[in-house]
Amino acid sequence: MDFGKLPNVDQVDFRLPAEPESNRRFLSDLSINGQIPEIYVGPTGYNMKPWVGKWYPFGAKDRDFLRHYGTQFNTIEFNTTHYRMPDSALVDRWIAETPEDFRFCPKLPQSISHARDLGLSTYEPRIFCETIIGLGVRLGYCFMQLPPHFGPKELPILDRFLAAVAPLIPLAVEVRHPVFFQDGPESRYLFDLLRDYHTAAVITDVAGRRDVCHMQQTTSATLIRFVGNDLHPSDYRRIQEWSGRLKQWTEQGLRQVYFFAHEPDNLLAPELSQYCVETFSKTMPEVRMRGPKQVPGQQGSLF
């Protein structure tokens, strides 16, 4: 992911922001009903030949990569749907190749997220929803990644879009316009809008745009896009701090966490995911999660 990428991160202050006061009020109102929190950790793609013999079995074929991915991870930030509208046959194949505890988090097609009216003048949003809901229990949260120029004046369009789409699918929204991360009426309006429509606010933790790591909670699930830097020492410190924050949120009432591990070219994302699960499991032993293990014949964990 190039958004917010820096050539050197040695001087970046990666500390997480303070907890917004709105989170305490919002999380305290959530109905837990004895539900055990769940954390899903995974990278952003599965077609990775360099993982063969390390995270995928020796000799694994391309056609089997998704099946092997599903045995290692329990979620994926699914970019495939951003570039291609899926059909029901493809959805059925995804179901057949993944275990029941696996959760897809598909990105809305860019023909919707980058359209001036978010596709409301077309049938595309409804077609996408009707198709993707076919994933059944394997559907985590769909998320719409809005372009950086999508700003406050477009909020009425987002309101109409959420009114039409949010009742149909579990939905999360990522915004990048800087004004939404300033303490002002625009940001308050946006996050209140997401809460009203039970839509998650995507949090992105990346070196060059610390403002988008906003901490706002708007539903009982949160999606976090964590962008590492080739396993720089700060990656591990950041994960440790996230572990404490997630423990706090799950104790307060958050029920689901989708934590997407980004590394350059996706190559080291399994190592980062493994460290996440090991760290989170120590901090939150009561939370359901699973993570990758290197195939037999490889060296043990690096951590």
Protein backbone atom coordinates (compact mmCIF):
# COMPACT_ATOMS: atom_id res chain seq x y z
CA MET A 1 0.00 0.00 0.00
CA ASP A 2 1.57 3.31 -1.13
CA PHE A 3 -0.82 5.60 0.76
CA GLY A 4 1.10 7.24 3.62
CA LYS A 5 4.32 5.40 2.83
CA LEU A 6 7.62 7.03 3.85
CA PRO A 7 11.17 6.14 2.73
CA ASN A 8 12.38 6.25 6.34
CA VAL A 9 10.36 5.81 9.53
CA ASP A 10 13.07 6.17 12.18
CA GLN A 11 11.72 9.53 13.39
CA VAL A 12 7.99 8.81 13.16
CA ASP A 13 5.96 9.06 16.36
CA PHE A 14 3.87 5.90 16.11
CA ARG A 15 2.13 6.27 19.46
CA LEU A 16 -1.60 5.69 19.23
CA PRO A 17 -3.83 8.73 19.79
CA ALA A 18 -5.68 9.27 23.02
CA GLU A 19 -9.04 7.57 23.39
CA PRO A 20 -11.92 9.75 22.13
CA GLU A 21 -14.50 10.54 24.78
CA SER A 22 -17.20 9.39 22.36
CA ASN A 23 -15.81 5.83 22.50
CA ARG A 24 -16.47 5.45 26.20
CA ARG A 25 -20.09 6.52 25.80
CA PHE A 26 -20.63 4.44 22.66
CA LEU A 27 -18.99 1.21 23.87
CA SER A 28 -20.75 1.34 27.23
CA ASP A 29 -24.09 1.24 25.40
CA LEU A 30 -23.26 -1.92 23.42
CA SER A 31 -25.22 -5.06 24.26
CA ILE A 32 -22.70 -7.87 24.86
CA ASN A 33 -25.08 -10.72 25.77
CA GLY A 34 -22.23 -13.04 26.73
CA GLN A 35 -20.69 -12.99 23.23
CA ILE A 36 -16.99 -13.86 23.27
CA PRO A 37 -14.87 -11.29 21.39
CA GLU A 38 -13.26 -12.45 18.15
CA ILE A 39 -10.10 -11.17 16.47
CA TYR A 40 -9.43 -11.88 12.82
CA VAL A 41 -5.89 -11.33 11.55
CA GLY A 42 -4.74 -11.67 7.96
CA PRO A 43 -2.90 -10.06 5.04
CA THR A 44 -4.29 -8.43 1.91
CA GLY A 45 -3.89 -11.15 -0.72
CA TYR A 46 -3.27 -14.85 -1.13
CA ASN A 47 -1.67 -15.26 -4.59
CA MET A 48 1.85 -15.28 -3.20
CA LYS A 49 4.32 -17.73 -4.75
CA PRO A 50 7.11 -16.67 -2.33
CA TRP A 51 4.99 -18.17 0.49
CA VAL A 52 5.25 -21.66 -1.03
CA GLY A 53 7.47 -23.85 1.14
CA LYS A 54 7.23 -21.43 4.05
CA TRP A 55 3.56 -20.66 4.68
CA TYR A 56 2.07 -22.82 1.94
CA PRO A 57 3.08 -26.48 1.55
CA PHE A 58 6.08 -27.32 -0.62
CA GLY A 59 4.93 -27.74 -4.21
CA ALA A 60 1.63 -25.91 -3.69
CA LYS A 61 -0.07 -24.94 -6.95
CA ASP A 62 -1.50 -21.52 -7.72
CA ARG A 63 -5.03 -22.94 -8.00
CA ASP A 64 -4.83 -24.11 -4.37
CA PHE A 65 -3.46 -20.92 -2.83
CA LEU A 66 -6.79 -19.72 -1.41
CA ARG A 67 -7.39 -23.09 0.26
CA HIS A 68 -3.92 -23.00 1.85
CA TYR A 69 -4.43 -19.36 2.84
CA GLY A 70 -7.65 -20.27 4.64
CA THR A 71 -5.89 -22.89 6.74
CA GLN A 72 -3.32 -20.33 7.86
CA PHE A 73 -5.42 -17.19 8.33
CA ASN A 74 -9.00 -16.50 9.34
CA THR A 75 -9.58 -13.34 7.31
CA ILE A 76 -8.40 -11.39 4.27
CA GLU A 77 -8.61 -7.80 3.14
CA PHE A 78 -10.04 -8.84 -0.20
CA ASN A 79 -8.92 -6.43 -2.92
CA THR A 80 -10.08 -8.66 -5.79
CA THR A 81 -13.59 -7.24 -5.63
CA HIS A 82 -12.27 -3.68 -5.89
CA TYR A 83 -11.34 -4.33 -9.51
CA ARG A 84 -13.94 -6.92 -10.52
CA MET A 85 -17.59 -7.34 -9.64
CA PRO A 86 -17.95 -10.97 -8.51
CA ASP A 87 -20.68 -13.33 -9.66
CA SER A 88 -22.43 -16.05 -7.70
CA ALA A 89 -20.28 -18.83 -9.19
CA LEU A 90 -17.12 -17.11 -7.95
CA VAL A 91 -18.63 -16.58 -4.51
CA ASP A 92 -19.52 -20.27 -4.35
CA ARG A 93 -15.91 -21.18 -5.14
CA TRP A 94 -14.63 -18.91 -2.37
CA ILE A 95 -16.95 -20.66 0.06
CA ALA A 96 -15.85 -24.12 -1.06
CA GLU A 97 -12.16 -23.29 -0.61
CA THR A 98 -12.25 -21.79 2.89
CA PRO A 99 -13.15 -23.13 6.36
CA GLU A 100 -16.31 -22.07 8.13
CA ASP A 101 -14.51 -19.80 10.61
CA PHE A 102 -12.94 -17.79 7.76
CA ARG A 103 -14.19 -14.26 7.09
CA PHE A 104 -13.83 -12.40 3.79
CA CYS A 105 -13.68 -8.60 4.00
CA PRO A 106 -14.26 -7.61 0.38
CA LYS A 107 -13.60 -4.10 -0.86
CA LEU A 108 -16.45 -2.47 -2.76
CA PRO A 109 -15.77 -2.12 -6.50
CA GLN A 110 -14.05 1.12 -7.42
CA SER A 111 -16.84 1.69 -9.94
CA ILE A 112 -18.96 2.37 -6.84
CA SER A 113 -16.52 3.91 -4.34
CA HIS A 114 -14.95 6.29 -6.87
CA ALA A 115 -18.12 7.28 -8.72
CA ARG A 116 -19.32 10.83 -8.20
CA ASP A 117 -22.63 9.61 -6.76
CA LEU A 118 -21.23 6.37 -5.25
CA GLY A 119 -23.05 4.41 -7.93
CA LEU A 120 -26.51 5.40 -6.71
CA SER A 121 -27.65 6.15 -10.27
CA THR A 122 -26.84 2.56 -11.28
CA TYR A 123 -27.77 -0.93 -10.16
CA GLU A 124 -24.18 -1.72 -9.17
CA PRO A 125 -24.52 -1.25 -5.39
CA ARG A 126 -27.54 -3.56 -5.25
CA ILE A 127 -25.92 -6.13 -7.55
CA PHE A 128 -22.81 -6.17 -5.37
CA CYS A 129 -24.82 -6.55 -2.17
CA GLU A 130 -27.05 -9.31 -3.54
CA THR A 131 -24.01 -11.22 -4.78
CA ILE A 132 -21.65 -10.79 -1.85
CA ILE A 133 -24.27 -11.66 0.77
CA GLY A 134 -24.09 -15.13 -0.77
CA LEU A 135 -20.92 -15.64 1.27
CA GLY A 136 -23.19 -16.28 4.25
CA VAL A 137 -21.28 -16.84 7.48
CA ARG A 138 -17.98 -16.25 5.65
CA LEU A 139 -18.82 -12.60 5.08
CA GLY A 140 -17.05 -10.37 7.58
CA TYR A 141 -17.34 -6.68 6.74
CA CYS A 142 -17.41 -5.18 3.27
CA PHE A 143 -15.55 -1.91 3.15
CA MET A 144 -15.69 1.10 0.93
CA GLN A 145 -12.41 2.93 0.45
CA LEU A 146 -13.27 6.50 -0.51
CA PRO A 147 -10.78 8.59 -2.53
CA PRO A 148 -8.83 11.39 -0.80
CA HIS A 149 -10.89 14.10 -2.53
CA PHE A 150 -14.12 12.80 -0.98
CA GLY A 151 -14.70 15.57 1.55
CA PRO A 152 -17.36 17.25 3.66
CA LYS A 153 -19.41 18.53 0.73
CA GLU A 154 -19.95 14.91 -0.36
CA LEU A 155 -21.38 13.81 3.00
CA PRO A 156 -25.01 14.08 1.80
CA ILE A 157 -24.14 11.57 -0.93
CA LEU A 158 -22.63 9.24 1.67
CA ASP A 159 -25.80 9.63 3.77
CA ARG A 160 -27.97 8.51 0.85
CA PHE A 161 -25.60 5.66 0.06
CA LEU A 162 -25.60 4.35 3.62
CA ALA A 163 -29.39 4.57 3.76
CA ALA A 164 -29.56 2.32 0.69
CA VAL A 165 -26.67 -0.11 1.34
CA ALA A 166 -25.96 -0.36 5.08
CA PRO A 167 -29.18 -2.34 5.78
CA LEU A 168 -28.14 -4.94 3.17
CA ILE A 169 -24.55 -5.85 4.14
CA PRO A 170 -22.17 -5.40 7.10
CA LEU A 171 -20.31 -2.30 5.99
CA ALA A 172 -17.22 -0.27 6.89
CA VAL A 173 -16.05 3.03 5.38
CA GLU A 174 -12.53 4.41 5.01
CA VAL A 175 -12.08 8.15 4.45
CA ARG A 176 -8.84 9.99 3.76
CA HIS A 177 -9.74 13.68 3.50
CA PRO A 178 -7.74 15.47 6.27
CA VAL A 179 -10.68 17.53 7.55
CA PHE A 180 -12.40 14.39 8.82
CA PHE A 181 -9.60 13.88 11.34
CA GLN A 182 -9.74 17.37 12.80
CA ASP A 183 -11.90 18.18 15.80
CA GLY A 184 -14.70 20.00 14.02
CA PRO A 185 -18.31 19.72 12.88
CA GLU A 186 -17.38 17.79 9.73
CA SER A 187 -15.69 14.95 11.61
CA ARG A 188 -18.41 14.81 14.25
CA TYR A 189 -21.06 14.65 11.53
CA LEU A 190 -19.22 11.85 9.70
CA PHE A 191 -18.71 9.58 12.71
CA ASP A 192 -22.23 10.21 14.00
CA LEU A 193 -23.51 9.30 10.54
CA LEU A 194 -21.60 6.01 10.62
CA ARG A 195 -22.95 5.21 14.09
CA ASP A 196 -26.52 5.97 12.98
CA TYR A 197 -26.17 3.48 10.12
CA HIS A 198 -24.28 0.84 12.18
CA THR A 199 -21.30 1.22 9.86
CA ALA A 200 -17.71 0.68 11.01
CA ALA A 201 -15.08 3.40 10.61
CA VAL A 202 -11.90 1.92 9.12
CA ILE A 203 -8.74 2.85 11.05
CA THR A 204 -5.48 3.01 9.11
CA ASP A 205 -2.16 2.95 10.99
CA VAL A 206 0.45 4.17 8.51
CA ALA A 207 3.67 6.14 8.90
CA GLY A 208 3.02 9.15 6.67
CA ARG A 209 -0.58 9.93 7.68
CA ARG A 210 -0.85 9.64 11.43
CA ASP A 211 -4.18 11.49 11.36
CA VAL A 212 -6.02 8.55 9.75
CA CYS A 213 -5.25 6.44 12.84
CA HIS A 214 -8.28 8.07 14.43
CA MET A 215 -9.49 5.50 17.03
CA GLN A 216 -13.19 6.26 16.51
CA GLN A 217 -15.56 3.37 17.23
CA THR A 218 -18.93 3.44 15.47
CA THR A 219 -20.21 -0.15 15.73
CA SER A 220 -19.50 -3.34 17.66
CA ALA A 221 -16.74 -4.25 15.16
CA THR A 222 -13.63 -2.40 14.09
CA LEU A 223 -11.42 -2.75 11.00
CA ILE A 224 -7.76 -1.80 11.36
CA ARG A 225 -5.37 -1.57 8.42
CA PHE A 226 -1.89 -1.80 9.92
CA VAL A 227 0.90 -0.83 7.51
CA GLY A 228 4.28 -2.18 8.56
CA ASN A 229 7.71 -1.27 7.25
CA ASP A 230 9.58 -4.50 6.39
CA LEU A 231 9.46 -5.61 10.04
CA HIS A 232 11.21 -2.48 11.24
CA PRO A 233 11.62 -2.60 15.05
CA SER A 234 8.80 -0.09 15.32
CA ASP A 235 6.40 -2.65 13.78
CA TYR A 236 6.73 -4.83 16.87
CA ARG A 237 6.38 -1.92 19.31
CA ARG A 238 3.27 -0.75 17.49
CA ILE A 239 1.67 -4.20 17.65
CA GLN A 240 2.36 -4.33 21.39
CA GLU A 241 0.61 -1.00 21.87
CA TRP A 242 -2.30 -2.13 19.70
CA SER A 243 -2.61 -5.22 21.88
CA GLY A 244 -3.27 -3.04 24.90
CA ARG A 245 -5.78 -0.87 23.05
CA LEU A 246 -7.68 -3.88 21.71
CA LYS A 247 -7.79 -5.40 25.19
CA GLN A 248 -9.34 -2.18 26.46
CA TRP A 249 -11.92 -2.09 23.66
CA THR A 250 -12.94 -5.73 23.96
CA GLU A 251 -13.35 -5.36 27.71
CA GLN A 252 -15.55 -2.33 27.09
CA GLY A 253 -17.83 -4.15 24.65
CA LEU A 254 -16.21 -4.39 21.21
CA ARG A 255 -17.07 -7.82 19.81
CA GLN A 256 -15.11 -8.17 16.56
CA VAL A 257 -11.73 -6.94 15.39
CA TYR A 258 -10.46 -7.30 11.83
CA PHE A 259 -6.75 -6.56 11.84
CA PHE A 260 -5.17 -6.48 8.39
CA ALA A 261 -1.39 -6.87 8.25
CA HIS A 262 0.25 -4.91 5.44
CA GLU A 263 3.92 -5.20 4.54
CA PRO A 264 5.66 -4.03 1.34
CA ASP A 265 4.67 -6.32 -1.56
CA ASN A 266 2.85 -8.49 1.01
CA LEU A 267 5.97 -10.61 1.40
CA LEU A 268 6.42 -10.38 5.18
CA ALA A 269 2.72 -10.08 6.03
CA PRO A 270 2.57 -13.68 7.42
CA GLU A 271 5.46 -12.94 9.82
CA LEU A 272 3.68 -9.80 10.97
CA SER A 273 0.37 -11.67 11.30
CA GLN A 274 2.05 -14.39 13.34
CA TYR A 275 3.50 -11.81 15.71
CA CYS A 276 0.08 -10.14 16.02
CA VAL A 277 -1.66 -13.37 17.03
CA GLU A 278 1.09 -14.36 19.47
CA THR A 279 1.02 -10.92 21.10
CA PHE A 280 -2.76 -10.54 21.17
CA SER A 281 -3.20 -14.06 22.57
CA LYS A 282 -0.96 -13.26 25.54
CA THR A 283 -2.83 -10.05 26.30
CA MET A 284 -6.32 -11.41 25.60
CA PRO A 285 -6.32 -15.18 26.21
CA GLU A 286 -10.11 -15.25 26.39
CA VAL A 287 -10.54 -13.87 22.84
CA ARG A 288 -11.06 -16.20 19.89
CA MET A 289 -8.38 -15.98 17.21
CA ARG A 290 -5.98 -18.08 15.18
CA GLY A 291 -2.91 -17.36 13.14
CA PRO A 292 -0.34 -18.81 10.75
CA LYS A 293 2.32 -21.42 11.41
CA GLN A 294 5.28 -22.08 9.15
CA VAL A 295 5.17 -25.37 7.27
CA PRO A 296 7.25 -28.28 8.65
CA GLY A 297 10.91 -28.09 7.74
CA GLN A 298 11.15 -24.35 8.33
CA GLN A 299 12.81 -22.56 11.20
CA GLY A 300 10.64 -21.77 14.19
CA SER A 301 9.07 -18.44 15.02
CA LEU A 302 11.29 -15.40 14.81
CA PHE A 303 9.79 -13.96 17.96
